[in-house]
Each structure stands twice: as C-alpha cells, then as structure tokens.
Protein backbone atom coordinates (compact mmCIF):
# COMPACT_ATOMS: atom_id res chain seq x y z
CA UNK A 1 112.45 -96.92 -102.11
CA UNK A 2 109.47 -95.47 -100.69
CA UNK A 3 108.71 -97.36 -97.52
CA UNK A 4 107.81 -96.02 -93.82
CA UNK A 5 111.75 -95.84 -92.94
CA UNK A 6 110.96 -97.04 -89.28
CA UNK A 7 109.01 -100.28 -90.53
CA UNK A 8 112.87 -100.64 -91.82
CA UNK A 9 114.85 -99.65 -88.46
CA UNK A 10 112.12 -102.50 -87.08
CA UNK A 11 113.25 -105.47 -89.84
CA UNK A 12 116.88 -104.66 -89.33
CA UNK A 13 116.53 -105.29 -86.08
CA UNK A 14 114.50 -108.48 -86.42
CA UNK A 15 117.45 -109.24 -87.99
CA UNK A 16 120.18 -108.71 -86.22
CA UNK A 17 118.39 -108.93 -82.79
CA UNK A 18 120.55 -105.91 -81.81
CA UNK A 19 119.89 -102.17 -81.39
CA UNK A 20 123.77 -101.77 -82.09
CA UNK A 21 124.19 -103.65 -84.49
CA UNK A 22 121.37 -101.79 -86.48
CA UNK A 23 122.07 -98.60 -85.46
CA UNK A 24 125.89 -99.75 -87.47
CA UNK A 25 124.12 -100.85 -90.20
CA UNK A 26 121.60 -98.15 -90.76
CA UNK A 27 123.99 -95.18 -90.42
CA UNK A 28 122.19 -93.84 -87.63
CA UNK A 29 122.69 -93.55 -83.67
CA UNK A 30 120.92 -96.15 -81.06
CA UNK A 31 119.23 -93.59 -79.46
CA UNK A 32 117.55 -93.33 -82.80
CA UNK A 33 116.83 -97.01 -82.96
CA UNK A 34 115.30 -96.99 -79.77
CA UNK A 35 112.82 -94.13 -80.87
CA UNK A 36 111.92 -95.43 -84.31
CA UNK A 37 110.34 -99.04 -82.32
CA UNK A 38 108.79 -96.96 -79.99
CA UNK A 39 107.18 -94.59 -81.69
CA UNK A 40 105.82 -98.04 -83.96
CA UNK A 41 105.30 -99.86 -81.17
CA UNK A 42 102.91 -97.25 -79.86
CA UNK A 43 100.97 -96.31 -83.64
CA UNK A 44 100.67 -99.83 -83.77
CA UNK A 45 99.36 -100.72 -80.29
CA UNK A 46 101.81 -103.85 -79.37
CA UNK A 47 104.78 -104.97 -78.01
CA UNK A 48 107.73 -105.75 -80.90
CA UNK A 49 110.94 -106.81 -78.78
CA UNK A 50 111.32 -108.63 -75.42
CA UNK A 51 114.52 -108.49 -73.21
CA UNK A 52 116.27 -111.24 -71.92
CA UNK A 53 119.07 -109.95 -69.94
CA UNK A 54 120.93 -108.36 -72.77
CA UNK A 55 119.77 -110.48 -75.53
CA UNK A 56 116.15 -109.14 -77.25
CA UNK A 57 113.61 -111.63 -78.81
CA UNK A 58 110.74 -110.66 -80.78
CA UNK A 59 107.53 -111.09 -79.51
CA UNK A 60 104.29 -112.77 -81.05
CA UNK A 61 103.56 -109.34 -82.50
CA UNK A 62 107.27 -108.66 -83.37
CA UNK A 63 107.16 -112.42 -86.00
CA UNK A 64 104.08 -111.52 -87.41
CA UNK A 65 105.29 -107.60 -88.28
CA UNK A 66 108.29 -109.44 -89.84
CA UNK A 67 106.19 -111.94 -92.30
CA UNK A 68 104.47 -108.88 -93.60
CA UNK A 69 107.37 -106.56 -93.26
CA UNK A 70 109.06 -108.92 -96.14
CA UNK A 71 105.91 -108.64 -98.06
CA UNK A 72 105.09 -104.88 -98.05
CA UNK A 73 109.61 -104.74 -99.57
CA UNK A 74 108.46 -106.87 -102.42
CA UNK A 75 105.70 -104.98 -103.38
CA UNK A 76 108.23 -101.71 -102.76
CA UNK A 77 110.75 -103.04 -105.12
CA UNK A 78 108.14 -104.64 -107.49
CA UNK A 79 106.46 -101.41 -107.51
CA UNK A 80 109.97 -98.86 -108.58
CA UNK A 81 110.65 -101.70 -111.22
CA UNK A 82 107.56 -101.78 -113.03
CA UNK A 83 107.29 -97.92 -112.72
CA UNK A 84 110.63 -97.58 -114.14
CA UNK A 85 109.56 -99.67 -117.18
CA UNK A 86 106.65 -97.62 -117.66
CA UNK A 87 109.14 -95.03 -118.67
CA UNK A 88 111.54 -97.57 -120.72
CA UNK A 89 114.22 -96.34 -118.32
CA UNK A 90 116.49 -99.10 -117.76
CA UNK A 91 116.29 -99.32 -113.80
CA UNK A 92 114.69 -101.26 -111.05
CA UNK A 93 115.64 -104.06 -108.27
CA UNK A 94 116.27 -107.09 -108.83
CA UNK A 95 116.89 -109.81 -106.42
CA UNK A 96 119.16 -112.61 -107.93
CA UNK A 97 119.76 -115.70 -105.98
CA UNK A 98 122.86 -119.16 -107.42
CA UNK A 99 123.66 -122.29 -106.32
CA UNK A 100 127.14 -122.82 -104.29
CA UNK A 101 129.48 -123.32 -107.62
CA UNK A 102 127.32 -120.90 -109.86
CA UNK A 103 127.84 -118.14 -107.44
CA UNK A 104 131.87 -118.70 -106.92
CA UNK A 105 132.42 -119.59 -110.45
CA UNK A 106 130.23 -118.43 -113.02
CA UNK A 107 128.46 -115.13 -111.50
CA UNK A 108 130.76 -112.81 -109.86
CA UNK A 109 131.95 -111.96 -113.51
CA UNK A 110 128.58 -111.71 -115.43
CA UNK A 111 127.24 -109.42 -112.44
CA UNK A 112 130.20 -107.01 -113.04
CA UNK A 113 129.37 -107.18 -116.62
CA UNK A 114 125.62 -106.61 -116.10
CA UNK A 115 126.19 -103.59 -113.53
CA UNK A 116 128.35 -102.15 -116.03
CA UNK A 117 125.95 -102.43 -118.85
CA UNK A 118 122.95 -101.16 -117.04
CA UNK A 119 123.87 -98.78 -114.10
CA UNK A 120 120.56 -98.15 -113.16
CA UNK A 121 120.26 -101.35 -111.88
CA UNK A 122 120.77 -102.52 -108.53
CA UNK A 123 120.43 -105.69 -107.91
CA UNK A 124 120.97 -108.36 -104.18
CA UNK A 125 122.51 -111.36 -104.56
CA UNK A 126 122.25 -114.78 -102.48
CA UNK A 127 124.02 -117.74 -102.23
CA UNK A 128 123.73 -121.20 -101.06
CA UNK A 129 123.06 -124.30 -101.92
CA UNK A 130 120.57 -126.11 -104.61
CA UNK A 131 117.72 -126.56 -101.92
CA UNK A 132 118.41 -123.22 -100.68
CA UNK A 133 117.98 -121.11 -103.31
CA UNK A 134 114.48 -123.16 -104.72
CA UNK A 135 113.58 -122.50 -100.69
CA UNK A 136 113.79 -118.98 -101.68
CA UNK A 137 112.10 -118.49 -104.97
CA UNK A 138 109.01 -120.37 -103.07
CA UNK A 139 109.02 -118.24 -100.74
CA UNK A 140 109.22 -115.05 -102.98
CA UNK A 141 112.38 -113.30 -101.59
CA UNK A 142 114.18 -113.77 -104.74
CA UNK A 143 113.59 -113.24 -108.76
CA UNK A 144 116.01 -115.11 -110.07
CA UNK A 145 118.45 -117.79 -110.25
CA UNK A 146 120.65 -120.36 -111.52
CA UNK A 147 120.92 -123.92 -109.79
CA UNK A 148 122.51 -126.86 -110.37
CA UNK A 149 120.76 -130.42 -109.71
CA UNK A 150 117.77 -132.04 -111.68
CA UNK A 151 114.91 -129.90 -112.07
CA UNK A 152 111.89 -131.37 -109.37
CA UNK A 153 109.86 -128.48 -107.80
CA UNK A 154 106.33 -128.58 -109.94
CA UNK A 155 106.17 -124.65 -108.45
CA UNK A 156 108.85 -123.64 -110.39
CA UNK A 157 110.00 -122.78 -114.07
CA UNK A 158 113.09 -123.96 -114.99
CA UNK A 159 114.86 -122.94 -118.71
CA UNK A 160 119.03 -124.40 -119.37
CA UNK A 161 121.15 -121.56 -118.79
CA UNK A 162 124.73 -123.56 -119.91
CA UNK A 163 125.90 -127.13 -119.19
CA UNK A 164 128.55 -128.43 -117.13
CA UNK A 165 131.18 -131.37 -116.14
CA UNK A 166 132.11 -132.79 -112.92
CA UNK A 167 135.66 -134.72 -112.33
CA UNK A 168 137.01 -136.43 -109.99
CA UNK A 169 140.36 -134.27 -108.75
CA UNK A 170 142.68 -134.45 -106.13
CA UNK A 171 146.42 -133.30 -105.26
CA UNK A 172 149.07 -133.10 -107.51
CA UNK A 173 151.50 -135.27 -106.83
CA UNK A 174 150.48 -137.42 -103.97
CA UNK A 175 149.69 -141.15 -104.52
CA UNK A 176 145.93 -140.74 -106.19
CA UNK A 177 147.45 -138.81 -108.23
CA UNK A 178 149.78 -140.87 -110.17
CA UNK A 179 146.08 -142.83 -111.35
CA UNK A 180 145.29 -141.39 -114.63
CA UNK A 181 141.59 -143.08 -114.96
CA UNK A 182 140.36 -145.73 -112.88
CA UNK A 183 137.68 -147.96 -113.31
CA UNK A 184 134.22 -147.02 -111.21
CA UNK A 185 134.65 -149.40 -108.77
CA UNK A 186 138.29 -148.67 -107.48
CA UNK A 187 136.04 -145.45 -106.86
CA UNK A 188 135.21 -147.34 -103.74
CA UNK A 189 138.31 -147.70 -102.05
CA UNK A 190 139.02 -144.12 -102.25
CA UNK A 191 138.93 -141.76 -99.30
CA UNK A 192 136.20 -138.66 -100.51
CA UNK A 193 135.34 -134.78 -99.78
CA UNK A 194 131.94 -134.09 -100.63
CA UNK A 195 129.56 -131.29 -101.28
CA UNK A 196 126.47 -131.13 -98.18
CA UNK A 197 123.34 -132.83 -98.25
CA UNK A 198 120.44 -130.81 -100.41
CA UNK A 199 123.92 -129.50 -102.52
CA UNK A 200 122.49 -130.23 -106.55
CA UNK A 201 126.14 -130.89 -107.32
CA UNK A 202 126.08 -133.94 -104.69
CA UNK A 203 122.27 -135.02 -105.99
CA UNK A 204 123.87 -135.39 -109.86
CA UNK A 205 127.05 -137.37 -108.98
CA UNK A 206 124.87 -138.97 -106.98
CA UNK A 207 122.90 -139.88 -109.94
CA UNK A 208 125.67 -140.56 -112.31
CA UNK A 209 127.39 -143.44 -110.03
CA UNK A 210 123.78 -144.61 -109.27
CA UNK A 211 123.65 -145.35 -113.10
CA UNK A 212 127.20 -146.59 -113.37
CA UNK A 213 126.29 -149.03 -110.78
CA UNK A 214 127.39 -147.68 -107.95
CA UNK A 215 125.67 -147.24 -104.30
CA UNK A 216 126.46 -144.00 -102.97
CA UNK A 217 126.19 -144.77 -99.48
CA UNK A 218 128.66 -147.56 -100.51
CA UNK A 219 131.55 -144.42 -100.86
CA UNK A 220 134.80 -143.84 -98.54
CA UNK A 221 133.30 -139.93 -97.94
CA UNK A 222 135.74 -138.76 -95.08
CA UNK A 223 134.31 -135.33 -94.47
CA UNK A 224 131.53 -132.98 -96.46
CA UNK A 225 131.67 -129.78 -96.75
CA UNK A 226 129.44 -126.56 -97.73
CA UNK A 227 131.46 -124.85 -100.82
CA UNK A 228 134.14 -125.85 -103.53
CA UNK A 229 136.61 -123.31 -102.12
CA UNK A 230 136.54 -125.48 -98.68
CA UNK A 231 136.88 -128.51 -100.34
CA UNK A 232 139.64 -127.78 -102.44
CA UNK A 233 141.64 -126.12 -99.98
CA UNK A 234 141.00 -129.58 -97.63
CA UNK A 235 142.35 -131.62 -101.03
CA UNK A 236 145.74 -129.52 -100.53
CA UNK A 237 146.73 -131.01 -97.53
CA UNK A 238 144.74 -134.41 -97.43
CA UNK A 239 145.56 -137.41 -99.87
CA UNK A 240 141.62 -137.12 -100.36
CA UNK A 241 139.65 -136.77 -103.92
CA UNK A 242 136.74 -135.26 -104.93
CA UNK A 243 134.38 -134.22 -107.71
CA UNK A 244 134.21 -130.79 -109.25
CA UNK A 245 132.77 -128.35 -111.59
CA UNK A 246 135.28 -128.08 -114.68
CA UNK A 247 134.85 -124.61 -114.04
CA UNK A 248 136.01 -124.17 -110.59
CA UNK A 249 139.16 -125.93 -110.88
CA UNK A 250 141.31 -124.35 -114.03
CA UNK A 251 143.52 -122.50 -112.09
CA UNK A 252 144.72 -125.62 -110.37
CA UNK A 253 144.89 -127.23 -113.23
CA UNK A 254 146.48 -124.73 -115.03
CA UNK A 255 149.24 -124.51 -111.89
CA UNK A 256 149.14 -127.67 -111.07
CA UNK A 257 148.08 -127.93 -108.11
CA UNK A 258 145.17 -130.05 -108.44
CA UNK A 259 145.13 -133.75 -111.28
CA UNK A 260 141.93 -134.96 -113.42
CA UNK A 261 141.69 -138.71 -112.46
CA UNK A 262 139.40 -139.90 -115.22
CA UNK A 263 136.83 -143.08 -114.52
CA UNK A 264 136.22 -145.26 -117.29
CA UNK A 265 133.40 -145.23 -118.70
CA UNK A 266 131.83 -142.42 -116.45
CA UNK A 267 131.30 -138.95 -117.29
CA UNK A 268 129.05 -136.45 -114.75
CA UNK A 269 127.98 -133.58 -117.24
CA UNK A 270 124.65 -131.78 -115.63
CA UNK A 271 122.81 -128.55 -117.40
CA UNK A 272 123.03 -124.40 -114.95
CA UNK A 273 119.16 -124.02 -114.71
CA UNK A 274 117.53 -120.65 -114.31
CA UNK A 275 114.82 -121.22 -111.56
CA UNK A 276 111.35 -118.48 -111.30
CA UNK A 277 108.17 -119.03 -109.43
CA UNK A 278 105.48 -120.00 -113.04
CA UNK A 279 103.54 -117.03 -113.93
CA UNK A 280 106.54 -114.65 -111.83
CA UNK A 281 108.11 -112.68 -115.04
CA UNK A 282 108.97 -109.13 -116.00
CA UNK A 283 111.41 -107.48 -118.46
CA UNK A 284 113.97 -107.06 -115.87
CA UNK A 285 113.95 -110.89 -115.40
CA UNK A 286 113.89 -111.36 -118.55
CA UNK A 287 116.81 -108.67 -119.25
CA UNK A 288 118.79 -109.84 -117.51
CA UNK A 289 118.23 -113.81 -118.43
CA UNK A 290 118.96 -112.61 -121.95
CA UNK A 291 122.03 -110.73 -120.60
CA UNK A 292 123.82 -114.41 -118.79
CA UNK A 293 123.47 -116.66 -121.67
CA UNK A 294 125.12 -113.56 -124.04
CA UNK A 295 127.77 -113.24 -122.13
CA UNK A 296 128.74 -116.70 -120.86
CA UNK A 297 127.73 -119.48 -123.27
CA UNK A 298 129.62 -123.27 -122.40
CA UNK A 299 128.79 -126.33 -125.09
C-alpha cells in the first residue's frame, strides 16, 4: 500500500496504545517506533500522544489524525483496487464483514475457496453482531458484509444471500430433550440461553415469538452470550435450551450432543443478507457477491 509508513506506525500505536505492541505488530524495534512518531510530530508540529505514568493516551490532535488516517487508508485501498481492475487483474483488497452466525458457520469455507480461486485478491475480515457490522458499513470501514436480521437502515442496500432456519435445541438426554414437541406457551417455563442485545438472530426470534402471541419479556432467560459457540458450550453443561441456526448445530446433532425440540405451529426462518452502502459498489464487490452465491445456495 502506497502510504507514508510513519502514518501506519502512528495508527498502530493509536490502536494499541503501546509502543511495544506496535513494534511487535509491525516487526520493527521500539526505538524505531519512537523515531517515526517524533518525526511525524515534528512534521505536523503537534503532540500526538501524552504520557500518564507507564501508559499513553491520544491528545486531541492525535484523535483528529486517527480519523483522517482511517480515511486515507480507505482511499489508498480503493485506489489500488481500481488500478488493478483497469489492468483487468483480479486483484485488490476487499474489506469484508459478517454477523456472528454467518462468520462462524458459513463464511470460513467460502473465504478459503475465494482466496484459492483469486490468490491476488487480499481481504480483511471482521465479525460482530448485526448492529456492529452494520455500523462499520455506515462508517465505510468495510466494503461488503453478510448479516442476519431484518433490514432497517435506509442508508444501506440489502440483497438476499441465503435462507436459514432457527430451531430450539437442548442437550441430548436431559429432561428437556424428552419433550419432542411443545406448544408455544410451554416455552415460557423453559430456562433459555439467548444471544446478546443487538444480535440479528435475537431480533428474528423475538419477532417470530411475538407473532405467535408470546411476549419476549415473559421468557425465562438464564443468561445471554455473544456467540453460538459459547451458547453451545453452555448448553452442554446445563439444563437450558436455546434458539440457534440449524447451520450452527449440524455437527452436534450428528453426534447426538444436542437435540431439537419442535414448537407446534412455530417455524422460524430468516434470510442472510448482503449489505453495503447505497451507491458504493465495485467490480471486486460484485465478484465477491457472485462467488458467495455460487458456492453457497441453501434453499
């Protein structure tokens, strides 16, 4: 990337708030980090960091530079991608995001295949709940993402990726697993493990339960956790149940670690969606979307 390396050094220190950690991450010495920061401060005629004992913090000027550094890096990335595409080279850098369920169950395979197919395309990948990933798109910190949950931001463009079913599961061979089917009202007596607020999965579950006449506030929620992996581990050591994507429990169902409890008259489906800023598109983004659709097609 064609940027001033001193700016990269500054940005890394600002993110880590540690000269030592920045040096390790950039594979340079700590004195070299100090030298780059001093040269940048002299060039800009401002102080970028202030010391507080053994800790450092950004000054007001440092915080301003962080904001502009992010914009500069985004511009350089877009420039490199456009120049590569002008030469008809399948190359460039793509910033990709995904909500937790998609990131843990679907995208790893697709990303590996994508890199194998297009080795000259580099990508950065970040995961989080739907609200967090959507905010990163709005801030133009990522180019394209796949999320769960209902569309709600007018600034974002949504398009369908794949359909998914959410099921109620519990540990196999416990007292709850003996209930092959329950009615919706019986759900109120079951201790539940749910995703955290801001999760697209949670939004879809609450919407479906509300439509079935169940107030989500009446649920017996034992704990809320931030990933399906953590939830599955919790289930294995408790007598709770949870709602999870069928895609995330395939292995556990196969090896009889978890079992599905059907809810009479209630089926929960949702659509995983691509999201991007309205008007922000590129050949590279289109290529990635087409590749995802071609390599994953859940009906």
